[in-house]
Amino acid sequence: MSYFPFMIELNNERCLIAGGGTVAYRKVCSMLEFGAVVTVVSPEFCPELLELADYSGRLTLIKRCVQPQDIDDAFVVIMATDDEKVNHDMAELCRQKRILVNVVDVKADCGFYFPAIIKDKEVVISVSTGGQSPVLAGTIKRNIESHLDRSYGDIAERMGELREQIKAQIDGEEERKKAFQQMVRSLLDEC
């Protein structure tokens, strides 16, 4: 069954990642880009994570094995350790506590999938294959990126600036919709 896509605010939300390898590094980078406060717990850390910790005030590295109390107050948990039993047991604990959890490469233990992401300011496009093939999701992402030749983030900002004006000036949903569509066409033509 497909998962329902929705956008969620991570700004200042506490996120836990168990595991210190390159997969964890990629997840950390994405979460930090969206404003999360990330704690990574692992006995070892890849060099990229260690370098990232040097300049991010929102990243904490704890050098030890993950423990059940690490999920306390976590909004999202990503399990990326090399120990399948630990990953599964922590996923079960997260589900019991109603914490969003993703176990890397174990579809059955995921309450959500981590999509491939394209981000241009507030415009975010995500691609998911339902956990079936992250490589395919990445390929689709790159294909989409290769066809994006405009700054949709800039256009979205401008639309946001004008939105309240249009709502105040034009009565009726259908007339507003036409005005918004015309504005988008005009802004796309300018790019």
C-alpha atoms as a PDB file:
ATOM      1  CA  MET A   1       0.000   0.000   0.000  1.00  0.00           C
ATOM      2  CA  SER A   2       1.255   3.489  -0.828  1.00  0.00           C
ATOM      3  CA  TYR A   3       1.982   5.966   1.950  1.00  0.00           C
ATOM      4  CA  PHE A   4       0.154   9.288   1.974  1.00  0.00           C
ATOM      5  CA  PRO A   5       2.543  12.189   1.330  1.00  0.00           C
ATOM      6  CA  PHE A   6       2.345  15.240   3.563  1.00  0.00           C
ATOM      7  CA  MET A   7       4.717  18.015   4.511  1.00  0.00           C
ATOM      8  CA  ILE A   8       5.600  18.388   8.159  1.00  0.00           C
ATOM      9  CA  GLU A   9       7.441  21.132  10.004  1.00  0.00           C
ATOM     10  CA  LEU A  10      10.684  19.983  11.608  1.00  0.00           C
ATOM     11  CA  ASN A  11      11.908  23.406  12.708  1.00  0.00           C
ATOM     12  CA  ASN A  12      13.253  23.039  16.271  1.00  0.00           C
ATOM     13  CA  GLU A  13      11.813  19.521  16.553  1.00  0.00           C
ATOM     14  CA  ARG A  14      14.028  16.994  18.341  1.00  0.00           C
ATOM     15  CA  CYS A  15      15.051  14.183  16.018  1.00  0.00           C
ATOM     16  CA  LEU A  16      17.118  11.129  16.918  1.00  0.00           C
ATOM     17  CA  ILE A  17      19.283   9.191  14.507  1.00  0.00           C
ATOM     18  CA  ALA A  18      20.865   5.966  15.720  1.00  0.00           C
ATOM     19  CA  GLY A  19      23.899   5.072  13.656  1.00  0.00           C
ATOM     20  CA  GLY A  20      26.917   7.064  12.577  1.00  0.00           C
ATOM     21  CA  GLY A  21      27.635   6.015   9.008  1.00  0.00           C
ATOM     22  CA  THR A  22      27.135   7.669   5.654  1.00  0.00           C
ATOM     23  CA  VAL A  23      23.418   6.829   5.551  1.00  0.00           C
ATOM     24  CA  ALA A  24      22.961   8.601   8.886  1.00  0.00           C
ATOM     25  CA  TYR A  25      25.025  11.508   7.562  1.00  0.00           C
ATOM     26  CA  ARG A  26      22.681  11.972   4.577  1.00  0.00           C
ATOM     27  CA  LYS A  27      19.625  11.900   6.869  1.00  0.00           C
ATOM     28  CA  VAL A  28      21.246  14.418   9.240  1.00  0.00           C
ATOM     29  CA  CYS A  29      22.002  16.821   6.371  1.00  0.00           C
ATOM     30  CA  SER A  30      18.407  16.737   5.158  1.00  0.00           C
ATOM     31  CA  MET A  31      16.917  17.173   8.611  1.00  0.00           C
ATOM     32  CA  LEU A  32      19.222  20.070   9.473  1.00  0.00           C
ATOM     33  CA  GLU A  33      18.287  21.786   6.207  1.00  0.00           C
ATOM     34  CA  PHE A  34      14.683  21.782   7.434  1.00  0.00           C
ATOM     35  CA  GLY A  35      15.551  23.191  10.861  1.00  0.00           C
ATOM     36  CA  ALA A  36      15.508  20.054  13.019  1.00  0.00           C
ATOM     37  CA  VAL A  37      17.555  19.690  16.192  1.00  0.00           C
ATOM     38  CA  VAL A  38      19.337  16.386  15.635  1.00  0.00           C
ATOM     39  CA  THR A  39      20.991  14.001  18.065  1.00  0.00           C
ATOM     40  CA  VAL A  40      23.049  11.158  16.607  1.00  0.00           C
ATOM     41  CA  VAL A  41      23.891   8.250  18.875  1.00  0.00           C
ATOM     42  CA  SER A  42      26.518   5.770  17.701  1.00  0.00           C
ATOM     43  CA  PRO A  43      29.708   4.090  18.943  1.00  0.00           C
ATOM     44  CA  GLU A  44      31.491   5.449  15.826  1.00  0.00           C
ATOM     45  CA  PHE A  45      30.953   8.357  13.430  1.00  0.00           C
ATOM     46  CA  CYS A  46      31.951   8.714   9.791  1.00  0.00           C
ATOM     47  CA  PRO A  47      34.306  11.644   9.054  1.00  0.00           C
ATOM     48  CA  GLU A  48      31.521  13.617   7.319  1.00  0.00           C
ATOM     49  CA  LEU A  49      29.396  13.591  10.486  1.00  0.00           C
ATOM     50  CA  LEU A  50      32.332  14.707  12.590  1.00  0.00           C
ATOM     51  CA  GLU A  51      32.981  17.633  10.225  1.00  0.00           C
ATOM     52  CA  LEU A  52      29.300  18.570  10.192  1.00  0.00           C
ATOM     53  CA  ALA A  53      29.194  18.687  13.984  1.00  0.00           C
ATOM     54  CA  ASP A  54      31.864  21.367  13.991  1.00  0.00           C
ATOM     55  CA  TYR A  55      29.643  24.053  12.478  1.00  0.00           C
ATOM     56  CA  SER A  56      26.081  23.104  13.303  1.00  0.00           C
ATOM     57  CA  GLY A  57      24.674  24.285  16.622  1.00  0.00           C
ATOM     58  CA  ARG A  58      21.690  22.003  16.087  1.00  0.00           C
ATOM     59  CA  LEU A  59      23.632  18.730  15.953  1.00  0.00           C
ATOM     60  CA  THR A  60      24.761  16.667  18.930  1.00  0.00           C
ATOM     61  CA  LEU A  61      26.870  13.521  18.587  1.00  0.00           C
ATOM     62  CA  ILE A  62      26.799  11.007  21.446  1.00  0.00           C
ATOM     63  CA  LYS A  63      29.433   8.278  21.220  1.00  0.00           C
ATOM     64  CA  ARG A  64      27.806   5.114  22.588  1.00  0.00           C
ATOM     65  CA  CYS A  65      25.193   2.534  21.630  1.00  0.00           C
ATOM     66  CA  VAL A  66      21.602   3.750  21.389  1.00  0.00           C
ATOM     67  CA  GLN A  67      19.475   3.191  24.510  1.00  0.00           C
ATOM     68  CA  PRO A  68      15.688   3.142  24.974  1.00  0.00           C
ATOM     69  CA  GLN A  69      15.693   6.436  26.900  1.00  0.00           C
ATOM     70  CA  ASP A  70      17.258   8.160  23.874  1.00  0.00           C
ATOM     71  CA  ILE A  71      13.850   8.298  22.205  1.00  0.00           C
ATOM     72  CA  ASP A  72      12.255  10.192  25.103  1.00  0.00           C
ATOM     73  CA  ASP A  73      10.887  13.480  23.744  1.00  0.00           C
ATOM     74  CA  ALA A  74      11.917  12.615  20.181  1.00  0.00           C
ATOM     75  CA  PHE A  75       9.563  13.767  17.444  1.00  0.00           C
ATOM     76  CA  VAL A  76      11.149  11.533  14.787  1.00  0.00           C
ATOM     77  CA  VAL A  77      13.516   8.575  15.110  1.00  0.00           C
ATOM     78  CA  ILE A  78      15.634   7.096  12.353  1.00  0.00           C
ATOM     79  CA  MET A  79      17.297   3.779  13.060  1.00  0.00           C
ATOM     80  CA  ALA A  80      20.397   3.271  10.916  1.00  0.00           C
ATOM     81  CA  THR A  81      22.572   0.979  13.010  1.00  0.00           C
ATOM     82  CA  ASP A  82      24.155  -2.230  11.715  1.00  0.00           C
ATOM     83  CA  ASP A  83      22.261  -4.250  14.344  1.00  0.00           C
ATOM     84  CA  GLU A  84      18.915  -5.469  12.965  1.00  0.00           C
ATOM     85  CA  LYS A  85      17.620  -6.503  16.391  1.00  0.00           C
ATOM     86  CA  VAL A  86      18.385  -3.129  17.953  1.00  0.00           C
ATOM     87  CA  ASN A  87      16.761  -1.364  15.001  1.00  0.00           C
ATOM     88  CA  HIS A  88      13.638  -3.538  15.238  1.00  0.00           C
ATOM     89  CA  ASP A  89      13.344  -3.328  19.039  1.00  0.00           C
ATOM     90  CA  MET A  90      13.712   0.450  19.008  1.00  0.00           C
ATOM     91  CA  ALA A  91      11.127   0.708  16.206  1.00  0.00           C
ATOM     92  CA  GLU A  92       8.691  -1.304  18.342  1.00  0.00           C
ATOM     93  CA  LEU A  93       9.318   0.994  21.299  1.00  0.00           C
ATOM     94  CA  CYS A  94       8.758   4.049  19.104  1.00  0.00           C
ATOM     95  CA  ARG A  95       5.454   2.649  17.854  1.00  0.00           C
ATOM     96  CA  GLN A  96       4.331   1.991  21.432  1.00  0.00           C
ATOM     97  CA  LYS A  97       5.145   5.607  22.317  1.00  0.00           C
ATOM     98  CA  ARG A  98       3.569   6.908  19.076  1.00  0.00           C
ATOM     99  CA  ILE A  99       6.854   8.361  17.785  1.00  0.00           C
ATOM    100  CA  LEU A 100       7.409   8.524  14.034  1.00  0.00           C
ATOM    101  CA  VAL A 101      10.081   5.965  13.159  1.00  0.00           C
ATOM    102  CA  ASN A 102      12.011   4.883  10.082  1.00  0.00           C
ATOM    103  CA  VAL A 103      14.313   1.877  10.032  1.00  0.00           C
ATOM    104  CA  VAL A 104      16.663   2.208   7.091  1.00  0.00           C
ATOM    105  CA  ASP A 105      16.209  -0.653   4.594  1.00  0.00           C
ATOM    106  CA  VAL A 106      13.484  -2.412   6.638  1.00  0.00           C
ATOM    107  CA  LYS A 107      10.140  -1.512   5.116  1.00  0.00           C
ATOM    108  CA  ALA A 108       8.091  -3.436   7.711  1.00  0.00           C
ATOM    109  CA  ASP A 109       9.540  -1.335  10.565  1.00  0.00           C
ATOM    110  CA  CYS A 110       8.892   2.041   8.942  1.00  0.00           C
ATOM    111  CA  GLY A 111       6.078   4.328   9.983  1.00  0.00           C
ATOM    112  CA  PHE A 112       7.244   6.772   7.298  1.00  0.00           C
ATOM    113  CA  TYR A 113       9.668   6.866   4.412  1.00  0.00           C
ATOM    114  CA  PHE A 114      12.426   9.383   3.913  1.00  0.00           C
ATOM    115  CA  PRO A 115      11.894  10.707   0.370  1.00  0.00           C
ATOM    116  CA  ALA A 116      14.364  12.011  -2.158  1.00  0.00           C
ATOM    117  CA  ILE A 117      14.040  15.809  -1.851  1.00  0.00           C
ATOM    118  CA  ILE A 118      14.343  18.751  -4.205  1.00  0.00           C
ATOM    119  CA  LYS A 119      14.274  22.088  -2.341  1.00  0.00           C
ATOM    120  CA  ASP A 120      14.195  25.645  -3.680  1.00  0.00           C
ATOM    121  CA  LYS A 121      13.408  27.965  -0.755  1.00  0.00           C
ATOM    122  CA  GLU A 122       9.832  27.096   0.287  1.00  0.00           C
ATOM    123  CA  VAL A 123       9.139  24.927  -2.758  1.00  0.00           C
ATOM    124  CA  VAL A 124       9.784  21.296  -1.852  1.00  0.00           C
ATOM    125  CA  ILE A 125       9.298  18.325  -4.144  1.00  0.00           C
ATOM    126  CA  SER A 126       9.627  14.851  -2.709  1.00  0.00           C
ATOM    127  CA  VAL A 127       9.867  11.496  -4.434  1.00  0.00           C
ATOM    128  CA  SER A 128       9.120   8.171  -2.783  1.00  0.00           C
ATOM    129  CA  THR A 129       9.043   4.643  -4.093  1.00  0.00           C
ATOM    130  CA  GLY A 130       7.378   3.386  -0.923  1.00  0.00           C
ATOM    131  CA  GLY A 131      10.660   2.058   0.397  1.00  0.00           C
ATOM    132  CA  GLN A 132      11.015  -0.281  -2.571  1.00  0.00           C
ATOM    133  CA  SER A 133      13.974   1.430  -4.245  1.00  0.00           C
ATOM    134  CA  PRO A 134      15.797   4.469  -2.881  1.00  0.00           C
ATOM    135  CA  VAL A 135      18.040   4.308  -5.972  1.00  0.00           C
ATOM    136  CA  LEU A 136      14.988   4.707  -8.229  1.00  0.00           C
ATOM    137  CA  ALA A 137      13.708   7.601  -6.072  1.00  0.00           C
ATOM    138  CA  GLY A 138      17.100   9.292  -6.469  1.00  0.00           C
ATOM    139  CA  THR A 139      17.033   8.704 -10.232  1.00  0.00           C
ATOM    140  CA  ILE A 140      13.547  10.209 -10.512  1.00  0.00           C
ATOM    141  CA  LYS A 141      14.694  13.187  -8.387  1.00  0.00           C
ATOM    142  CA  ARG A 142      17.651  13.865 -10.688  1.00  0.00           C
ATOM    143  CA  ASN A 143      15.382  13.540 -13.736  1.00  0.00           C
ATOM    144  CA  ILE A 144      12.967  16.119 -12.297  1.00  0.00           C
ATOM    145  CA  GLU A 145      15.840  18.447 -11.335  1.00  0.00           C
ATOM    146  CA  SER A 146      17.207  18.322 -14.872  1.00  0.00           C
ATOM    147  CA  HIS A 147      13.885  19.692 -16.158  1.00  0.00           C
ATOM    148  CA  LEU A 148      13.572  22.526 -13.629  1.00  0.00           C
ATOM    149  CA  ASP A 149      14.908  25.623 -15.310  1.00  0.00           C
ATOM    150  CA  ARG A 150      13.125  28.278 -13.283  1.00  0.00           C
ATOM    151  CA  SER A 151      13.435  29.514  -9.741  1.00  0.00           C
ATOM    152  CA  TYR A 152      10.163  28.216  -8.378  1.00  0.00           C
ATOM    153  CA  GLY A 153      11.226  29.313  -4.902  1.00  0.00           C
ATOM    154  CA  ASP A 154      11.397  32.948  -6.039  1.00  0.00           C
ATOM    155  CA  ILE A 155       8.018  32.644  -7.749  1.00  0.00           C
ATOM    156  CA  ALA A 156       6.459  31.157  -4.609  1.00  0.00           C
ATOM    157  CA  GLU A 157       7.844  34.036  -2.518  1.00  0.00           C
ATOM    158  CA  ARG A 158       6.360  36.586  -4.905  1.00  0.00           C
ATOM    159  CA  MET A 159       3.007  34.774  -4.929  1.00  0.00           C
ATOM    160  CA  GLY A 160       3.047  34.777  -1.139  1.00  0.00           C
ATOM    161  CA  GLU A 161       3.644  38.535  -1.131  1.00  0.00           C
ATOM    162  CA  LEU A 162       0.709  39.141  -3.479  1.00  0.00           C
ATOM    163  CA  ARG A 163      -1.703  36.543  -2.101  1.00  0.00           C
ATOM    164  CA  GLU A 164      -3.244  38.677   0.649  1.00  0.00           C
ATOM    165  CA  GLN A 165      -3.645  41.624  -1.728  1.00  0.00           C
ATOM    166  CA  ILE A 166      -5.559  39.492  -4.205  1.00  0.00           C
ATOM    167  CA  LYS A 167      -7.720  37.991  -1.467  1.00  0.00           C
ATOM    168  CA  ALA A 168      -8.566  41.487  -0.204  1.00  0.00           C
ATOM    169  CA  GLN A 169      -9.262  42.916  -3.651  1.00  0.00           C
ATOM    170  CA  ILE A 170     -11.159  40.110  -5.388  1.00  0.00           C
ATOM    171  CA  ASP A 171     -14.354  38.559  -4.089  1.00  0.00           C
ATOM    172  CA  GLY A 172     -15.270  35.023  -4.955  1.00  0.00           C
ATOM    173  CA  GLU A 173     -13.172  31.902  -5.035  1.00  0.00           C
ATOM    174  CA  GLU A 174     -13.400  31.376  -8.799  1.00  0.00           C
ATOM    175  CA  GLU A 175     -12.301  34.936  -9.618  1.00  0.00           C
ATOM    176  CA  ARG A 176      -9.382  34.682  -7.166  1.00  0.00           C
ATOM    177  CA  LYS A 177      -8.336  31.395  -8.711  1.00  0.00           C
ATOM    178  CA  LYS A 178      -8.255  33.023 -12.173  1.00  0.00           C
ATOM    179  CA  ALA A 179      -6.203  35.932 -10.816  1.00  0.00           C
ATOM    180  CA  PHE A 180      -3.718  33.572  -9.133  1.00  0.00           C
ATOM    181  CA  GLN A 181      -3.387  31.505 -12.324  1.00  0.00           C
ATOM    182  CA  GLN A 182      -2.712  34.665 -14.349  1.00  0.00           C
ATOM    183  CA  MET A 183      -0.098  35.785 -11.807  1.00  0.00           C
ATOM    184  CA  VAL A 184       1.681  32.436 -11.986  1.00  0.00           C
ATOM    185  CA  ARG A 185       1.721  32.504 -15.802  1.00  0.00           C
ATOM    186  CA  SER A 186       3.062  36.045 -15.756  1.00  0.00           C
ATOM    187  CA  LEU A 187       5.802  35.249 -13.220  1.00  0.00           C
ATOM    188  CA  LEU A 188       6.803  32.111 -15.150  1.00  0.00           C
ATOM    189  CA  ASP A 189       7.099  34.175 -18.331  1.00  0.00           C
ATOM    190  CA  GLU A 190       9.413  36.623 -16.515  1.00  0.00           C
ATOM    191  CA  CYS A 191      11.841  33.870 -15.498  1.00  0.00           C
END
